[in-house]
Amino acid sequence: MKKRKSTARQLGRYIVADPEICHGKLTFRGTRIFVADVLEQVASGMVWEAIIEEWDGGITEEAITEAVQLAAQALLRHVDEFVIESMSA
């Protein structure tokens, strides 16, 4: 049997993109927890301890911190691609 070369990409200590896990969407290493789902929980104002509890301890505060930091870096790197609409009503 031929050993397949892994095409998984590690984006940090806790975040990976592996085409063989969840169709390559970003997940927390060793889990099937989508980074996007956790970032949505953070954005909604959910307390990090509650997020960790909701995922049965499958992620840590350090993992959430890394996700937020990578998301912030991506936003700053690509800010010109986003359309920012006025909040005035």
N, C-alpha and C. Protein backbone atom coordinates (compact mmCIF):
# COMPACT_ATOMS: atom_id res chain seq x y z
N MET A 1 0.85 -1.18 0.00
CA MET A 1 0.00 0.00 0.00
C MET A 1 0.89 1.24 0.00
N LYS A 2 0.58 2.16 -0.88
CA LYS A 2 1.33 3.41 -0.97
C LYS A 2 0.92 4.37 0.11
N LYS A 3 1.91 5.00 0.71
CA LYS A 3 1.62 6.02 1.72
C LYS A 3 1.35 7.34 1.00
N ARG A 4 0.20 7.93 1.31
CA ARG A 4 -0.16 9.21 0.69
C ARG A 4 0.53 10.35 1.39
N LYS A 5 0.98 11.29 0.59
CA LYS A 5 1.60 12.49 1.14
C LYS A 5 0.50 13.38 1.73
N SER A 6 0.71 13.81 2.95
CA SER A 6 -0.27 14.67 3.61
C SER A 6 -0.25 16.06 2.98
N THR A 7 -1.42 16.56 2.69
CA THR A 7 -1.54 17.91 2.15
C THR A 7 -2.11 18.86 3.20
N ALA A 8 -2.12 18.40 4.44
CA ALA A 8 -2.62 19.24 5.53
C ALA A 8 -1.68 20.42 5.71
N ARG A 9 -2.27 21.58 5.99
CA ARG A 9 -1.49 22.78 6.27
C ARG A 9 -1.78 23.20 7.70
N GLN A 10 -0.72 23.43 8.44
CA GLN A 10 -0.87 23.92 9.80
C GLN A 10 -0.70 25.44 9.75
N LEU A 11 -1.72 26.17 10.23
CA LEU A 11 -1.70 27.61 10.17
C LEU A 11 -1.26 28.25 11.47
N GLY A 12 -0.98 27.47 12.42
CA GLY A 12 -0.55 27.93 13.73
C GLY A 12 -0.37 26.71 14.59
N ARG A 13 -0.29 26.93 15.85
CA ARG A 13 -0.12 25.80 16.77
C ARG A 13 -1.40 24.98 16.90
N TYR A 14 -2.56 25.63 16.73
CA TYR A 14 -3.84 24.98 17.00
C TYR A 14 -4.75 24.82 15.79
N ILE A 15 -4.43 25.48 14.69
CA ILE A 15 -5.36 25.53 13.56
C ILE A 15 -4.76 24.84 12.34
N VAL A 16 -5.57 23.98 11.70
CA VAL A 16 -5.12 23.25 10.53
C VAL A 16 -6.18 23.29 9.44
N ALA A 17 -5.71 23.07 8.21
CA ALA A 17 -6.59 22.88 7.06
C ALA A 17 -6.14 21.57 6.42
N ASP A 18 -6.96 20.55 6.51
CA ASP A 18 -6.63 19.23 5.98
C ASP A 18 -7.76 18.80 5.06
N PRO A 19 -7.46 18.59 3.76
CA PRO A 19 -8.51 18.20 2.82
C PRO A 19 -9.24 16.91 3.21
N GLU A 20 -8.62 16.10 4.07
CA GLU A 20 -9.25 14.85 4.48
C GLU A 20 -10.08 15.00 5.75
N ILE A 21 -10.09 16.19 6.32
CA ILE A 21 -10.90 16.45 7.52
C ILE A 21 -11.80 17.65 7.23
N CYS A 22 -13.09 17.42 7.29
CA CYS A 22 -14.09 18.50 7.09
C CYS A 22 -13.86 19.25 5.78
N HIS A 23 -13.52 18.51 4.73
CA HIS A 23 -13.36 19.07 3.38
C HIS A 23 -12.34 20.20 3.31
N GLY A 24 -11.36 20.18 4.19
CA GLY A 24 -10.28 21.16 4.15
C GLY A 24 -10.60 22.49 4.82
N LYS A 25 -11.78 22.59 5.41
CA LYS A 25 -12.11 23.83 6.14
C LYS A 25 -11.22 23.93 7.38
N LEU A 26 -10.98 25.14 7.84
CA LEU A 26 -10.15 25.33 9.01
C LEU A 26 -10.80 24.71 10.24
N THR A 27 -10.02 23.88 10.92
CA THR A 27 -10.48 23.26 12.16
C THR A 27 -9.38 23.40 13.21
N PHE A 28 -9.75 23.15 14.44
CA PHE A 28 -8.76 23.11 15.50
C PHE A 28 -8.09 21.74 15.47
N ARG A 29 -6.78 21.72 15.54
CA ARG A 29 -6.00 20.49 15.42
C ARG A 29 -6.53 19.40 16.33
N GLY A 30 -6.71 18.21 15.76
CA GLY A 30 -7.17 17.06 16.53
C GLY A 30 -8.66 17.02 16.76
N THR A 31 -9.41 17.96 16.15
CA THR A 31 -10.86 18.01 16.33
C THR A 31 -11.53 18.19 14.97
N ARG A 32 -12.83 18.17 14.98
CA ARG A 32 -13.63 18.54 13.81
C ARG A 32 -14.41 19.82 14.13
N ILE A 33 -13.87 20.62 15.00
CA ILE A 33 -14.49 21.89 15.39
C ILE A 33 -14.03 22.96 14.40
N PHE A 34 -15.00 23.55 13.71
CA PHE A 34 -14.68 24.58 12.71
C PHE A 34 -14.25 25.87 13.40
N VAL A 35 -13.16 26.43 12.92
CA VAL A 35 -12.67 27.71 13.42
C VAL A 35 -13.75 28.78 13.20
N ALA A 36 -14.40 28.75 12.06
CA ALA A 36 -15.44 29.74 11.75
C ALA A 36 -16.57 29.72 12.79
N ASP A 37 -16.95 28.53 13.25
CA ASP A 37 -18.02 28.44 14.25
C ASP A 37 -17.61 29.10 15.55
N VAL A 38 -16.37 28.86 15.95
CA VAL A 38 -15.88 29.46 17.21
C VAL A 38 -15.75 30.97 17.05
N LEU A 39 -15.27 31.43 15.90
CA LEU A 39 -15.16 32.88 15.69
C LEU A 39 -16.53 33.54 15.71
N GLU A 40 -17.55 32.87 15.19
CA GLU A 40 -18.91 33.41 15.26
C GLU A 40 -19.37 33.52 16.72
N GLN A 41 -19.02 32.55 17.53
CA GLN A 41 -19.38 32.60 18.94
C GLN A 41 -18.67 33.76 19.63
N VAL A 42 -17.40 33.96 19.32
CA VAL A 42 -16.64 35.08 19.88
C VAL A 42 -17.30 36.40 19.45
N ALA A 43 -17.61 36.51 18.15
CA ALA A 43 -18.20 37.74 17.62
C ALA A 43 -19.56 38.04 18.24
N SER A 44 -20.29 37.00 18.63
CA SER A 44 -21.61 37.22 19.24
C SER A 44 -21.50 37.65 20.70
N GLY A 45 -20.26 37.65 21.23
CA GLY A 45 -20.06 38.09 22.60
C GLY A 45 -20.06 36.96 23.62
N MET A 46 -20.08 35.74 23.14
CA MET A 46 -20.08 34.61 24.06
C MET A 46 -18.78 34.58 24.86
N VAL A 47 -18.88 34.33 26.13
CA VAL A 47 -17.71 34.25 27.00
C VAL A 47 -16.89 33.04 26.60
N TRP A 48 -15.57 33.22 26.56
CA TRP A 48 -14.69 32.15 26.09
C TRP A 48 -14.83 30.88 26.90
N GLU A 49 -15.01 31.00 28.20
CA GLU A 49 -15.18 29.81 29.03
C GLU A 49 -16.42 29.03 28.61
N ALA A 50 -17.48 29.75 28.23
CA ALA A 50 -18.71 29.10 27.78
C ALA A 50 -18.49 28.42 26.42
N ILE A 51 -17.69 29.03 25.56
CA ILE A 51 -17.37 28.42 24.26
C ILE A 51 -16.63 27.10 24.49
N ILE A 52 -15.64 27.15 25.36
CA ILE A 52 -14.85 25.95 25.67
C ILE A 52 -15.77 24.86 26.23
N GLU A 53 -16.66 25.25 27.12
CA GLU A 53 -17.59 24.29 27.72
C GLU A 53 -18.53 23.72 26.66
N GLU A 54 -19.01 24.58 25.77
CA GLU A 54 -19.93 24.12 24.73
C GLU A 54 -19.29 23.06 23.83
N TRP A 55 -17.99 23.19 23.63
CA TRP A 55 -17.26 22.22 22.80
C TRP A 55 -16.64 21.13 23.67
N ASP A 56 -17.16 20.95 24.87
CA ASP A 56 -16.72 19.88 25.79
C ASP A 56 -15.21 19.87 26.00
N GLY A 57 -14.62 21.05 26.07
CA GLY A 57 -13.18 21.14 26.32
C GLY A 57 -12.32 20.74 25.14
N GLY A 58 -12.93 20.60 23.97
CA GLY A 58 -12.18 20.20 22.78
C GLY A 58 -11.24 21.28 22.27
N ILE A 59 -11.43 22.50 22.74
CA ILE A 59 -10.52 23.60 22.41
C ILE A 59 -10.14 24.31 23.70
N THR A 60 -9.09 25.08 23.61
CA THR A 60 -8.60 25.80 24.79
C THR A 60 -8.68 27.30 24.55
N GLU A 61 -8.47 28.04 25.61
CA GLU A 61 -8.42 29.50 25.49
C GLU A 61 -7.29 29.92 24.54
N GLU A 62 -6.18 29.21 24.60
CA GLU A 62 -5.05 29.52 23.72
C GLU A 62 -5.43 29.30 22.25
N ALA A 63 -6.21 28.27 21.98
CA ALA A 63 -6.65 28.00 20.62
C ALA A 63 -7.59 29.09 20.12
N ILE A 64 -8.48 29.55 20.98
CA ILE A 64 -9.39 30.64 20.60
C ILE A 64 -8.58 31.91 20.36
N THR A 65 -7.62 32.18 21.22
CA THR A 65 -6.77 33.36 21.04
C THR A 65 -6.08 33.32 19.68
N GLU A 66 -5.53 32.16 19.34
CA GLU A 66 -4.86 32.04 18.04
C GLU A 66 -5.83 32.30 16.89
N ALA A 67 -7.04 31.77 16.97
CA ALA A 67 -8.03 31.98 15.92
C ALA A 67 -8.36 33.46 15.77
N VAL A 68 -8.55 34.14 16.87
CA VAL A 68 -8.86 35.58 16.82
C VAL A 68 -7.68 36.36 16.25
N GLN A 69 -6.46 36.01 16.66
CA GLN A 69 -5.27 36.70 16.15
C GLN A 69 -5.10 36.49 14.64
N LEU A 70 -5.30 35.26 14.17
CA LEU A 70 -5.17 34.99 12.74
C LEU A 70 -6.27 35.69 11.95
N ALA A 71 -7.47 35.73 12.50
CA ALA A 71 -8.56 36.44 11.84
C ALA A 71 -8.26 37.93 11.74
N ALA A 72 -7.72 38.51 12.79
CA ALA A 72 -7.36 39.93 12.79
C ALA A 72 -6.26 40.20 11.77
N GLN A 73 -5.26 39.33 11.71
CA GLN A 73 -4.19 39.50 10.73
C GLN A 73 -4.73 39.44 9.31
N ALA A 74 -5.63 38.49 9.05
CA ALA A 74 -6.22 38.36 7.72
C ALA A 74 -7.02 39.60 7.35
N LEU A 75 -7.78 40.12 8.30
CA LEU A 75 -8.56 41.33 8.05
C LEU A 75 -7.65 42.50 7.71
N LEU A 76 -6.61 42.70 8.51
CA LEU A 76 -5.70 43.82 8.28
C LEU A 76 -4.95 43.67 6.95
N ARG A 77 -4.61 42.45 6.59
CA ARG A 77 -3.89 42.20 5.35
C ARG A 77 -4.77 42.44 4.13
N HIS A 78 -6.08 42.22 4.27
CA HIS A 78 -6.99 42.30 3.13
C HIS A 78 -8.05 43.38 3.29
N VAL A 79 -7.80 44.36 4.12
CA VAL A 79 -8.80 45.38 4.44
C VAL A 79 -9.29 46.12 3.19
N ASP A 80 -8.44 46.31 2.22
CA ASP A 80 -8.84 47.03 1.01
C ASP A 80 -9.86 46.25 0.18
N GLU A 81 -9.98 44.95 0.41
CA GLU A 81 -10.93 44.13 -0.33
C GLU A 81 -12.33 44.18 0.26
N PHE A 82 -12.46 44.71 1.46
CA PHE A 82 -13.75 44.76 2.12
C PHE A 82 -14.43 46.09 1.85
N VAL A 83 -15.73 46.03 1.68
CA VAL A 83 -16.51 47.25 1.52
C VAL A 83 -17.04 47.62 2.89
N ILE A 84 -16.67 48.79 3.35
CA ILE A 84 -17.13 49.24 4.65
C ILE A 84 -18.22 50.26 4.42
N GLU A 85 -19.40 49.93 4.89
CA GLU A 85 -20.55 50.80 4.68
C GLU A 85 -20.72 51.71 5.89
N SER A 86 -21.25 52.87 5.63
CA SER A 86 -21.51 53.81 6.70
C SER A 86 -22.55 53.27 7.65
N MET A 87 -22.36 53.50 8.93
CA MET A 87 -23.30 53.03 9.94
C MET A 87 -24.38 54.07 10.22
N SER A 88 -24.32 55.22 9.54
CA SER A 88 -25.32 56.26 9.81
C SER A 88 -26.66 55.86 9.25
N ALA A 89 -27.69 56.23 10.00
CA ALA A 89 -29.06 55.86 9.58
C ALA A 89 -29.85 57.09 9.24
